Amino acid sequence: MTIAAEALAVAERLERSASLNAVLAWSRPALEAEALRVSRIGSDGPLAGMPVAIKDNIVTTDLPTTCASRILEGYRSPYDATVIERLRLAGGLVACKTNLDEFAMGSSTEHSAFGRVRHPLDPDRVPGGSSGGSAALVAAGVVPAALGSETGGSVRQPAAFCGVVGVKPSYGRVSRFGLVAFGSSLDCVSVFGRTVSDAARVLAAIAGHDPRDATSRPAPPVQVPVPRADLRGLTFGLPTEYFPPDLDPGVRAGVDRAVALVQALGGTVRPVSLPHTRYAVPTYYVLAPAEAAANLARYDGVRYGVRRGAGLDLRSVYRATRGQGFGREVQRRILVGTYVLSAGYYDAYYAKAQAARVRITADFEAAFLTGVDALLTPTTPTPAFRAGAKMADPVQMYLADIFVSAVSLAGLPALSLPAGRSEGLPIGLQIIAPSFEEDRMLSIAATLEPHLSATAEVR
């Protein structure tokens, strides 16, 4: 298929998938321009005309960047993010901008100012979040890969819910320049793919040091994995804290099947302990809102974005713009973040959360020092839940990230691999590797992938 024909096919698939509400911006002229650009530079790049959907908190010059928020409605960036530049340099096509939880704050993509995203297998369920739009498009076959962002699990969790591959790189592996900031010490541009190879190809194209991002770190390039003949010589840890008694039976069955496969392929499996795991969710929901409160202070109706309360005094403009522009979940997190950073509460909350983060990170380091090459866990405690089921209780919504947030706090690479279905709904196996060991993680996933049927019922 020619690049122009691929662009046309993507446009038709985008039109057919409109009921998912997974897309916030796209156009045929933009797709045609992308196809023409790739054709001019040649189609022999590592992505060679691959269409890639982009989460709408990654800035682009040719399509709006709204972060699914009314406060940025219609905003168009004057520059492209580093990952967009590298994606295009590798021959990738920017297909569209995808729906998300507003400013990436959510676990279900129900907190978008432009309506919730629907799960491609069951429209009454959520696709996960905050990168639910990107996950849904890959799962629906609209694009083979998509970019999302991770702050506390926002790619791995929807990847598990939708039955696709989701890869979070090590913190610092991929440039954050042009990623709209939520939690600056946590944010990572991450990748969805239909297959491990698709995700790895995109990650390899966008990774690398960027002098425009002070948190970017030099590291050897990411390699597209070649499946191993077996897993002999590798030791896998099963953290006991990730297998609680109330773990969904279908999720447990899927992960148990994957563990049995690892052993059949010659891998050694043994239990390990990450004792501070139980503090991961509360730690994350102190630190991330604190950073969000600081990062979102720039949206004041003065510098850019929409303005409300024109003609009023400055304080009234701030109040009107932020009160009407931000949704309820974003306001909640700003309030929490401001509170934990305030005088009299900083030591009681923020400082203790930072100390807990150090201990959570040390748990992973200790496990890997015992000779464990990778950790295997469920990605989520349940399959995709019904829309509206957790909206009334934010804490229950936050607990959907219970198995993914600790990895984000530690800055480690992790991957969610489809591990079958429970009652028709996808479940995911999480593979966690030491810092900057993406190649090992991807190789393990590529070895397991052909043996784990993504559509097989596990119970």
Protein backbone atom coordinates (compact mmCIF):
# COMPACT_ATOMS: atom_id res chain seq x y z
CA MET A 1 0.00 0.00 0.00
CA THR A 2 1.33 3.43 -0.91
CA ILE A 3 1.68 6.12 1.73
CA ALA A 4 -1.13 8.13 0.15
CA ALA A 5 -3.39 5.07 0.17
CA GLU A 6 -2.52 4.40 3.81
CA ALA A 7 -3.45 7.98 4.73
CA LEU A 8 -6.78 7.57 2.92
CA ALA A 9 -7.45 4.28 4.71
CA VAL A 10 -6.71 5.90 8.09
CA ALA A 11 -9.16 8.71 7.28
CA GLU A 12 -11.88 6.19 6.49
CA ARG A 13 -11.20 4.26 9.69
CA LEU A 14 -11.30 7.47 11.71
CA GLU A 15 -14.70 8.29 10.26
CA ARG A 16 -16.03 4.81 11.04
CA SER A 17 -14.77 4.98 14.63
CA ALA A 18 -16.43 8.30 15.47
CA SER A 19 -18.81 6.62 17.95
CA LEU A 20 -15.86 5.87 20.26
CA ASN A 21 -15.35 9.62 20.81
CA ALA A 22 -11.64 8.83 20.92
CA VAL A 23 -10.51 11.69 18.64
CA LEU A 24 -10.44 15.41 19.38
CA ALA A 25 -8.85 16.69 16.16
CA TRP A 26 -8.04 15.37 12.70
CA SER A 27 -8.61 16.33 9.08
CA ARG A 28 -8.22 14.80 5.66
CA PRO A 29 -6.09 17.73 4.43
CA ALA A 30 -3.72 17.26 7.37
CA LEU A 31 -3.42 13.52 6.66
CA GLU A 32 -2.83 14.19 2.98
CA ALA A 33 -0.13 16.71 3.88
CA GLU A 34 1.52 14.14 6.15
CA ALA A 35 1.49 11.54 3.36
CA LEU A 36 2.99 14.03 0.91
CA ARG A 37 5.70 15.00 3.39
CA VAL A 38 6.74 11.36 3.95
CA SER A 39 6.65 10.64 0.22
CA ARG A 40 9.01 13.57 -0.42
CA ILE A 41 11.59 12.50 2.16
CA GLY A 42 11.31 8.84 1.18
CA SER A 43 9.55 5.95 2.88
CA ASP A 44 12.62 4.04 4.06
CA GLY A 45 12.59 5.45 7.60
CA PRO A 46 12.17 3.06 10.54
CA LEU A 47 8.44 3.88 10.74
CA ALA A 48 7.99 4.02 6.94
CA GLY A 49 4.60 5.69 6.72
CA MET A 50 3.17 4.20 9.94
CA PRO A 51 0.14 6.23 11.10
CA VAL A 52 0.41 7.16 14.78
CA ALA A 53 -2.30 8.79 16.91
CA ILE A 54 -1.15 11.46 19.37
CA LYS A 55 -2.58 12.12 22.82
CA ASP A 56 -3.85 15.68 22.93
CA ASN A 57 -1.44 16.82 25.64
CA ILE A 58 1.52 16.55 23.24
CA VAL A 59 1.86 19.78 21.29
CA THR A 60 1.63 19.98 17.50
CA THR A 61 1.63 22.99 15.20
CA ASP A 62 -0.80 21.62 12.61
CA LEU A 63 -3.54 20.41 14.97
CA PRO A 64 -4.90 22.01 18.18
CA THR A 65 -3.64 20.95 21.61
CA THR A 66 -6.43 21.20 24.19
CA CYS A 67 -5.55 18.63 26.90
CA ALA A 68 -9.31 17.88 26.71
CA SER A 69 -9.91 21.08 28.69
CA ARG A 70 -12.13 24.07 27.99
CA ILE A 71 -9.35 26.31 29.25
CA LEU A 72 -7.26 25.43 26.15
CA GLU A 73 -10.12 25.01 23.68
CA GLY A 74 -8.82 25.79 20.18
CA TYR A 75 -5.23 26.43 21.35
CA ARG A 76 -2.59 25.83 18.68
CA SER A 77 1.04 25.48 19.69
CA PRO A 78 3.75 27.53 17.94
CA TYR A 79 6.13 24.53 18.01
CA ASP A 80 6.12 20.73 17.80
CA ALA A 81 7.09 18.48 20.68
CA THR A 82 10.43 16.69 20.34
CA VAL A 83 8.65 13.34 20.03
CA ILE A 84 6.59 14.71 17.11
CA GLU A 85 9.74 15.93 15.35
CA ARG A 86 11.39 12.53 15.82
CA LEU A 87 8.28 10.63 14.81
CA ARG A 88 8.10 12.53 11.53
CA LEU A 89 11.85 12.25 10.94
CA ALA A 90 11.45 8.45 11.18
CA GLY A 91 8.70 8.50 8.52
CA GLY A 92 5.69 8.33 10.83
CA LEU A 93 2.36 9.97 9.99
CA VAL A 94 0.60 12.05 12.64
CA ALA A 95 -2.94 10.69 12.26
CA CYS A 96 -4.95 12.64 14.82
CA LYS A 97 -5.09 14.05 18.36
CA THR A 98 -6.81 11.77 20.86
CA ASN A 99 -9.21 12.29 23.74
CA LEU A 100 -8.01 12.02 27.34
CA ASP A 101 -8.91 12.80 30.90
CA GLU A 102 -8.53 16.57 31.25
CA PHE A 103 -4.84 17.44 31.66
CA ALA A 104 -4.22 13.67 31.97
CA MET A 105 -5.93 13.57 35.38
CA GLY A 106 -8.03 10.44 35.55
CA SER A 107 -8.18 6.67 35.16
CA SER A 108 -11.16 6.22 32.86
CA THR A 109 -11.23 9.07 30.27
CA GLU A 110 -14.53 10.16 31.77
CA HIS A 111 -13.04 13.47 32.90
CA SER A 112 -12.68 14.91 29.40
CA ALA A 113 -14.40 18.25 28.79
CA PHE A 114 -15.46 16.83 25.41
CA GLY A 115 -17.21 13.68 26.58
CA ARG A 116 -16.03 10.24 27.63
CA VAL A 117 -14.29 7.70 25.40
CA ARG A 118 -16.10 4.40 24.85
CA HIS A 119 -14.46 1.01 25.13
CA PRO A 120 -14.15 -0.54 21.64
CA LEU A 121 -15.47 -3.93 22.82
CA ASP A 122 -18.24 -2.68 25.10
CA PRO A 123 -19.42 0.95 24.80
CA ASP A 124 -20.88 0.80 28.31
CA ARG A 125 -17.39 0.37 29.77
CA VAL A 126 -14.41 2.69 30.05
CA PRO A 127 -11.18 2.23 28.08
CA GLY A 128 -9.08 3.28 31.07
CA GLY A 129 -7.21 6.53 31.36
CA SER A 130 -5.94 9.02 31.10
CA SER A 131 -4.75 7.93 27.63
CA GLY A 132 -8.02 6.16 26.84
CA GLY A 133 -8.49 7.74 23.41
CA SER A 134 -5.11 6.49 22.18
CA ALA A 135 -5.71 3.01 23.60
CA ALA A 136 -9.17 2.75 22.06
CA LEU A 137 -7.94 3.69 18.57
CA VAL A 138 -5.20 1.06 18.63
CA ALA A 139 -7.59 -1.58 19.99
CA ALA A 140 -10.19 -0.72 17.33
CA GLY A 141 -7.62 -1.15 14.57
CA VAL A 142 -7.73 2.49 13.47
CA VAL A 143 -3.95 2.93 13.87
CA PRO A 144 -1.20 0.41 14.64
CA ALA A 145 0.38 2.64 17.30
CA ALA A 146 -0.28 5.73 19.38
CA LEU A 147 1.49 8.04 21.78
CA GLY A 148 0.14 8.56 25.27
CA SER A 149 1.61 9.91 28.46
CA GLU A 150 2.24 8.28 31.81
CA THR A 151 2.27 10.05 35.15
CA GLY A 152 0.95 7.23 37.30
CA GLY A 153 0.00 4.43 34.89
CA SER A 154 -1.98 6.26 32.22
CA VAL A 155 -0.74 4.05 29.35
CA ARG A 156 -0.31 0.65 30.98
CA GLN A 157 -3.75 0.72 32.63
CA PRO A 158 -5.75 1.54 29.46
CA ALA A 159 -3.56 -0.87 27.49
CA ALA A 160 -4.66 -3.65 29.84
CA PHE A 161 -8.31 -2.58 29.69
CA CYS A 162 -8.30 -2.47 25.88
CA GLY A 163 -6.11 -5.50 25.17
CA VAL A 164 -3.14 -3.79 23.50
CA VAL A 165 0.54 -3.37 24.30
CA GLY A 166 1.44 -0.35 26.44
CA VAL A 167 5.06 0.62 27.10
CA LYS A 168 6.23 3.12 29.72
CA PRO A 169 9.94 3.96 29.32
CA SER A 170 12.34 4.84 32.10
CA TYR A 171 11.97 8.41 33.32
CA GLY A 172 14.38 10.46 31.21
CA ARG A 173 14.51 8.01 28.30
CA VAL A 174 12.10 10.10 26.14
CA SER A 175 12.07 13.89 25.96
CA ARG A 176 9.27 15.72 27.77
CA PHE A 177 9.79 18.86 25.68
CA GLY A 178 6.34 19.64 24.29
CA LEU A 179 4.46 17.35 26.67
CA VAL A 180 2.07 19.57 28.64
CA ALA A 181 3.24 19.24 32.22
CA PHE A 182 1.14 17.50 34.89
CA GLY A 183 3.66 16.03 37.35
CA SER A 184 7.12 17.01 36.16
CA SER A 185 9.03 14.40 38.18
CA LEU A 186 6.73 11.63 36.90
CA ASP A 187 5.58 12.48 33.36
CA CYS A 188 6.73 10.18 30.52
CA VAL A 189 5.70 10.11 26.87
CA SER A 190 4.75 6.46 26.36
CA VAL A 191 3.61 4.19 23.54
CA PHE A 192 0.71 1.94 22.58
CA GLY A 193 1.02 -0.72 19.89
CA ARG A 194 -0.99 -3.59 18.47
CA THR A 195 2.12 -5.68 18.92
CA VAL A 196 5.32 -5.45 20.94
CA SER A 197 7.21 -4.79 17.71
CA ASP A 198 4.96 -1.87 16.73
CA ALA A 199 5.33 -0.25 20.14
CA ALA A 200 9.09 -0.86 20.20
CA ARG A 201 9.57 0.66 16.74
CA VAL A 202 7.84 3.86 17.82
CA LEU A 203 9.70 3.98 21.14
CA ALA A 204 13.02 3.51 19.37
CA ALA A 205 12.18 6.40 17.02
CA ILE A 206 11.25 8.91 19.74
CA ALA A 207 13.73 7.99 22.49
CA GLY A 208 17.05 9.69 23.04
CA HIS A 209 18.67 12.59 24.81
CA ASP A 210 17.23 16.05 24.16
CA PRO A 211 19.16 19.16 25.31
CA ARG A 212 15.84 21.05 25.51
CA ASP A 213 14.71 18.78 28.37
CA ALA A 214 16.81 19.01 31.54
CA THR A 215 15.44 15.64 32.77
CA SER A 216 16.44 13.83 29.56
CA ARG A 217 19.32 11.39 30.02
CA PRO A 218 21.85 10.01 27.51
CA ALA A 219 21.42 6.27 27.00
CA PRO A 220 22.06 3.66 24.30
CA PRO A 221 19.30 3.54 21.65
CA VAL A 222 16.27 1.32 22.21
CA GLN A 223 16.38 -1.80 20.02
CA VAL A 224 13.41 -3.40 18.29
CA PRO A 225 13.27 -6.80 20.01
CA VAL A 226 13.94 -10.16 18.44
CA PRO A 227 12.00 -12.90 20.27
CA ARG A 228 14.22 -15.29 22.21
CA ALA A 229 14.07 -19.03 21.64
CA ASP A 230 13.26 -19.44 25.32
CA LEU A 231 13.62 -17.71 28.69
CA ARG A 232 16.37 -19.91 30.11
CA GLY A 233 18.79 -18.08 32.35
CA LEU A 234 16.25 -15.41 33.35
CA THR A 235 14.77 -15.08 36.83
CA PHE A 236 11.36 -13.48 37.33
CA GLY A 237 10.04 -12.10 40.60
CA LEU A 238 6.40 -12.27 41.64
CA PRO A 239 5.78 -9.48 44.20
CA THR A 240 3.48 -10.91 46.84
CA GLU A 241 1.89 -7.49 47.42
CA TYR A 242 0.50 -7.51 43.85
CA PHE A 243 -1.53 -10.69 44.39
CA PRO A 244 -3.99 -9.80 47.19
CA PRO A 245 -6.82 -12.17 48.15
CA ASP A 246 -9.42 -9.88 46.55
CA LEU A 247 -7.68 -9.78 43.16
CA ASP A 248 -10.26 -10.34 40.41
CA PRO A 249 -10.37 -14.11 39.66
CA GLY A 250 -10.12 -13.55 35.91
CA VAL A 251 -7.08 -11.30 36.28
CA ARG A 252 -5.44 -13.85 38.58
CA ALA A 253 -6.16 -16.68 36.12
CA GLY A 254 -4.65 -14.71 33.24
CA VAL A 255 -1.48 -13.85 35.14
CA ASP A 256 -1.18 -17.43 36.47
CA ARG A 257 -1.36 -18.70 32.90
CA ALA A 258 1.39 -16.28 31.86
CA VAL A 259 3.59 -17.33 34.79
CA ALA A 260 3.13 -20.99 33.83
CA LEU A 261 4.19 -20.08 30.29
CA VAL A 262 7.33 -18.36 31.60
CA GLN A 263 8.24 -21.55 33.47
CA ALA A 264 7.48 -23.70 30.42
CA LEU A 265 9.90 -21.55 28.41
CA GLY A 266 12.64 -22.20 30.96
CA GLY A 267 12.39 -19.09 33.11
CA THR A 268 12.84 -19.28 36.88
CA VAL A 269 10.04 -17.77 38.96
CA ARG A 270 10.22 -16.93 42.63
CA PRO A 271 8.35 -14.68 45.08
CA VAL A 272 9.75 -11.32 46.13
CA SER A 273 8.49 -8.62 48.44
CA LEU A 274 7.99 -4.91 47.80
CA PRO A 275 6.86 -4.00 51.32
CA HIS A 276 6.11 -0.32 50.72
CA THR A 277 3.76 -0.97 47.80
CA ARG A 278 0.74 -0.23 49.98
CA TYR A 279 1.90 3.38 50.24
CA ALA A 280 2.17 3.89 46.47
CA VAL A 281 -1.33 5.22 45.76
CA PRO A 282 -1.47 7.70 48.69
CA THR A 283 2.11 8.79 47.93
CA TYR A 284 1.27 9.38 44.30
CA TYR A 285 -1.89 11.31 45.15
CA VAL A 286 0.09 13.69 47.33
CA LEU A 287 3.05 14.27 45.02
CA ALA A 288 1.27 14.40 41.66
CA PRO A 289 -1.37 16.97 42.75
CA ALA A 290 1.36 19.08 44.37
CA GLU A 291 3.26 19.23 41.09
CA ALA A 292 0.03 19.75 39.16
CA ALA A 293 -0.93 22.73 41.32
CA ALA A 294 2.38 24.38 40.44
CA ASN A 295 2.28 23.47 36.74
CA LEU A 296 -1.32 24.54 36.17
CA ALA A 297 -0.84 27.96 37.76
CA ARG A 298 0.12 29.24 34.30
CA TYR A 299 -3.47 28.84 33.03
CA ASP A 300 -4.81 32.18 34.24
CA GLY A 301 -6.52 33.72 31.22
CA VAL A 302 -3.70 36.21 30.72
CA ARG A 303 -0.89 34.49 28.85
CA TYR A 304 -2.71 32.02 26.60
CA GLY A 305 -5.83 29.92 26.39
CA VAL A 306 -9.35 31.19 26.96
CA ARG A 307 -10.19 34.18 29.14
CA ARG A 308 -13.33 34.60 31.19
CA GLY A 309 -14.47 37.69 33.11
CA ALA A 310 -13.18 40.25 30.59
CA GLY A 311 -13.46 43.80 31.93
CA LEU A 312 -13.23 42.71 35.56
CA ASP A 313 -10.28 43.17 37.90
CA LEU A 314 -7.35 40.74 37.67
CA ARG A 315 -8.41 38.54 40.59
CA SER A 316 -11.89 38.18 39.10
CA VAL A 317 -10.42 37.22 35.71
CA TYR A 318 -8.32 34.52 37.39
CA ARG A 319 -11.30 33.22 39.33
CA ALA A 320 -13.65 33.18 36.36
CA THR A 321 -11.14 31.68 33.93
CA ARG A 322 -9.96 28.89 36.18
CA GLY A 323 -13.38 28.24 37.71
CA GLN A 324 -15.08 27.85 34.34
CA GLY A 325 -12.12 26.49 32.36
CA PHE A 326 -11.05 23.62 34.63
CA GLY A 327 -13.25 20.58 35.22
CA ARG A 328 -14.08 19.15 38.62
CA GLU A 329 -11.27 16.57 38.79
CA VAL A 330 -8.62 19.11 37.82
CA GLN A 331 -9.94 21.56 40.41
CA ARG A 332 -9.91 18.81 43.02
CA ARG A 333 -6.27 17.98 42.36
CA ILE A 334 -5.20 21.62 42.34
CA LEU A 335 -6.87 22.10 45.71
CA VAL A 336 -5.23 18.96 47.14
CA GLY A 337 -1.84 19.99 45.77
CA THR A 338 -2.10 23.51 47.11
CA TYR A 339 -3.13 22.16 50.52
CA VAL A 340 -0.23 19.71 50.89
CA LEU A 341 2.25 22.42 49.90
CA SER A 342 0.83 25.04 52.23
CA ALA A 343 2.52 26.28 55.38
CA GLY A 344 1.83 23.98 58.30
CA TYR A 345 1.03 20.95 56.09
CA TYR A 346 4.15 20.64 53.92
CA ASP A 347 6.03 18.49 56.45
CA ALA A 348 2.96 16.49 57.40
CA TYR A 349 2.08 15.45 53.82
CA TYR A 350 4.49 16.44 51.05
CA ALA A 351 7.75 15.72 52.90
CA LYS A 352 6.44 12.35 54.13
CA ALA A 353 5.30 11.43 50.62
CA GLN A 354 8.78 12.19 49.29
CA ALA A 355 10.27 9.95 51.97
CA ALA A 356 7.81 7.18 51.05
CA ARG A 357 8.80 7.55 47.39
CA VAL A 358 12.44 6.91 48.32
CA ARG A 359 11.45 3.71 50.14
CA ILE A 360 9.22 2.51 47.28
CA THR A 361 12.12 3.02 44.86
CA ALA A 362 14.50 1.20 47.23
CA ASP A 363 12.15 -1.80 47.30
CA PHE A 364 12.50 -2.26 43.55
CA GLU A 365 16.27 -1.77 43.68
CA ALA A 366 16.57 -4.38 46.43
CA ALA A 367 14.50 -6.89 44.45
CA PHE A 368 16.65 -6.49 41.34
CA LEU A 369 19.85 -6.77 43.39
CA THR A 370 18.82 -10.28 44.44
CA GLY A 371 19.29 -11.50 40.88
CA VAL A 372 15.77 -10.91 39.57
CA ASP A 373 15.83 -9.87 35.90
CA ALA A 374 12.21 -8.68 35.71
CA LEU A 375 9.06 -8.57 37.79
CA LEU A 376 5.72 -10.00 36.69
CA THR A 377 2.46 -8.60 38.07
CA PRO A 378 -1.13 -7.95 37.03
CA THR A 379 -1.45 -4.56 35.33
CA THR A 380 -4.84 -3.80 36.87
CA PRO A 381 -6.85 -5.32 39.75
CA THR A 382 -9.94 -5.82 37.54
CA PRO A 383 -10.91 -5.73 33.87
CA ALA A 384 -12.50 -2.55 32.48
CA PHE A 385 -15.29 -1.28 34.72
CA ARG A 386 -18.61 0.24 33.67
CA ALA A 387 -18.81 3.94 32.87
CA GLY A 388 -19.98 5.92 35.89
CA ALA A 389 -19.21 3.12 38.34
CA LYS A 390 -16.45 5.06 40.16
CA MET A 391 -17.26 8.69 39.37
CA ALA A 392 -18.95 9.29 42.71
CA ASP A 393 -15.94 8.01 44.70
CA PRO A 394 -12.57 9.46 43.61
CA VAL A 395 -10.65 7.14 45.93
CA GLN A 396 -12.08 4.05 44.24
CA MET A 397 -11.12 5.56 40.88
CA TYR A 398 -7.57 6.19 42.12
CA LEU A 399 -7.27 2.56 43.28
CA ALA A 400 -7.60 1.43 39.65
CA ASP A 401 -3.91 2.46 39.43
CA ILE A 402 -2.81 0.42 42.43
CA PHE A 403 -0.45 -1.86 40.45
CA VAL A 404 1.03 0.80 38.16
CA SER A 405 1.66 3.88 40.29
CA ALA A 406 4.64 2.48 42.24
CA VAL A 407 6.58 1.93 39.01
CA SER A 408 6.00 5.56 38.03
CA LEU A 409 7.21 6.79 41.41
CA ALA A 410 10.39 4.74 40.95
CA GLY A 411 10.92 5.92 37.34
CA LEU A 412 11.28 2.37 36.02
CA PRO A 413 10.34 0.97 32.60
CA ALA A 414 7.27 -1.25 32.51
CA LEU A 415 5.07 -2.86 29.89
CA SER A 416 1.52 -4.18 29.80
CA LEU A 417 1.11 -7.23 27.57
CA PRO A 418 -2.33 -8.67 26.65
CA ALA A 419 -2.79 -11.87 28.65
CA GLY A 420 -6.19 -13.08 27.47
CA ARG A 421 -9.76 -12.19 28.35
CA SER A 422 -12.04 -12.71 31.31
CA GLU A 423 -15.72 -12.85 30.37
CA GLY A 424 -14.84 -11.18 27.09
CA LEU A 425 -12.85 -8.31 28.63
CA PRO A 426 -9.07 -7.96 28.15
CA ILE A 427 -6.61 -8.33 31.00
CA GLY A 428 -2.94 -7.40 31.10
CA LEU A 429 0.34 -8.84 32.37
CA GLN A 430 2.79 -6.21 33.63
CA ILE A 431 6.52 -6.70 33.05
CA ILE A 432 8.78 -4.40 35.11
CA ALA A 433 12.51 -4.05 34.43
CA PRO A 434 15.40 -2.20 36.09
CA SER A 435 15.99 1.41 35.09
CA PHE A 436 16.99 1.85 31.40
CA GLU A 437 16.67 -1.88 30.71
CA GLU A 438 13.94 -1.44 28.07
CA ASP A 439 15.68 -3.85 25.69
CA ARG A 440 15.46 -6.69 28.21
CA MET A 441 11.82 -5.92 28.96
CA LEU A 442 10.84 -5.74 25.29
CA SER A 443 12.69 -8.96 24.48
CA ILE A 444 10.83 -10.82 27.23
CA ALA A 445 7.51 -9.44 26.03
CA ALA A 446 8.25 -10.34 22.40
CA THR A 447 9.11 -13.89 23.50
CA LEU A 448 5.86 -14.32 25.45
CA GLU A 449 3.60 -12.56 22.94
CA PRO A 450 3.12 -15.36 20.36
CA HIS A 451 2.27 -17.83 23.12
CA LEU A 452 -0.28 -15.61 24.91
CA SER A 453 -3.46 -15.39 22.88
CA ALA A 454 -4.88 -11.93 23.51
CA THR A 455 -8.44 -13.15 22.84
CA ALA A 456 -8.40 -16.48 24.68
CA GLU A 457 -10.71 -16.82 27.68
CA VAL A 458 -8.74 -17.56 30.82
CA ARG A 459 -11.62 -18.92 32.88
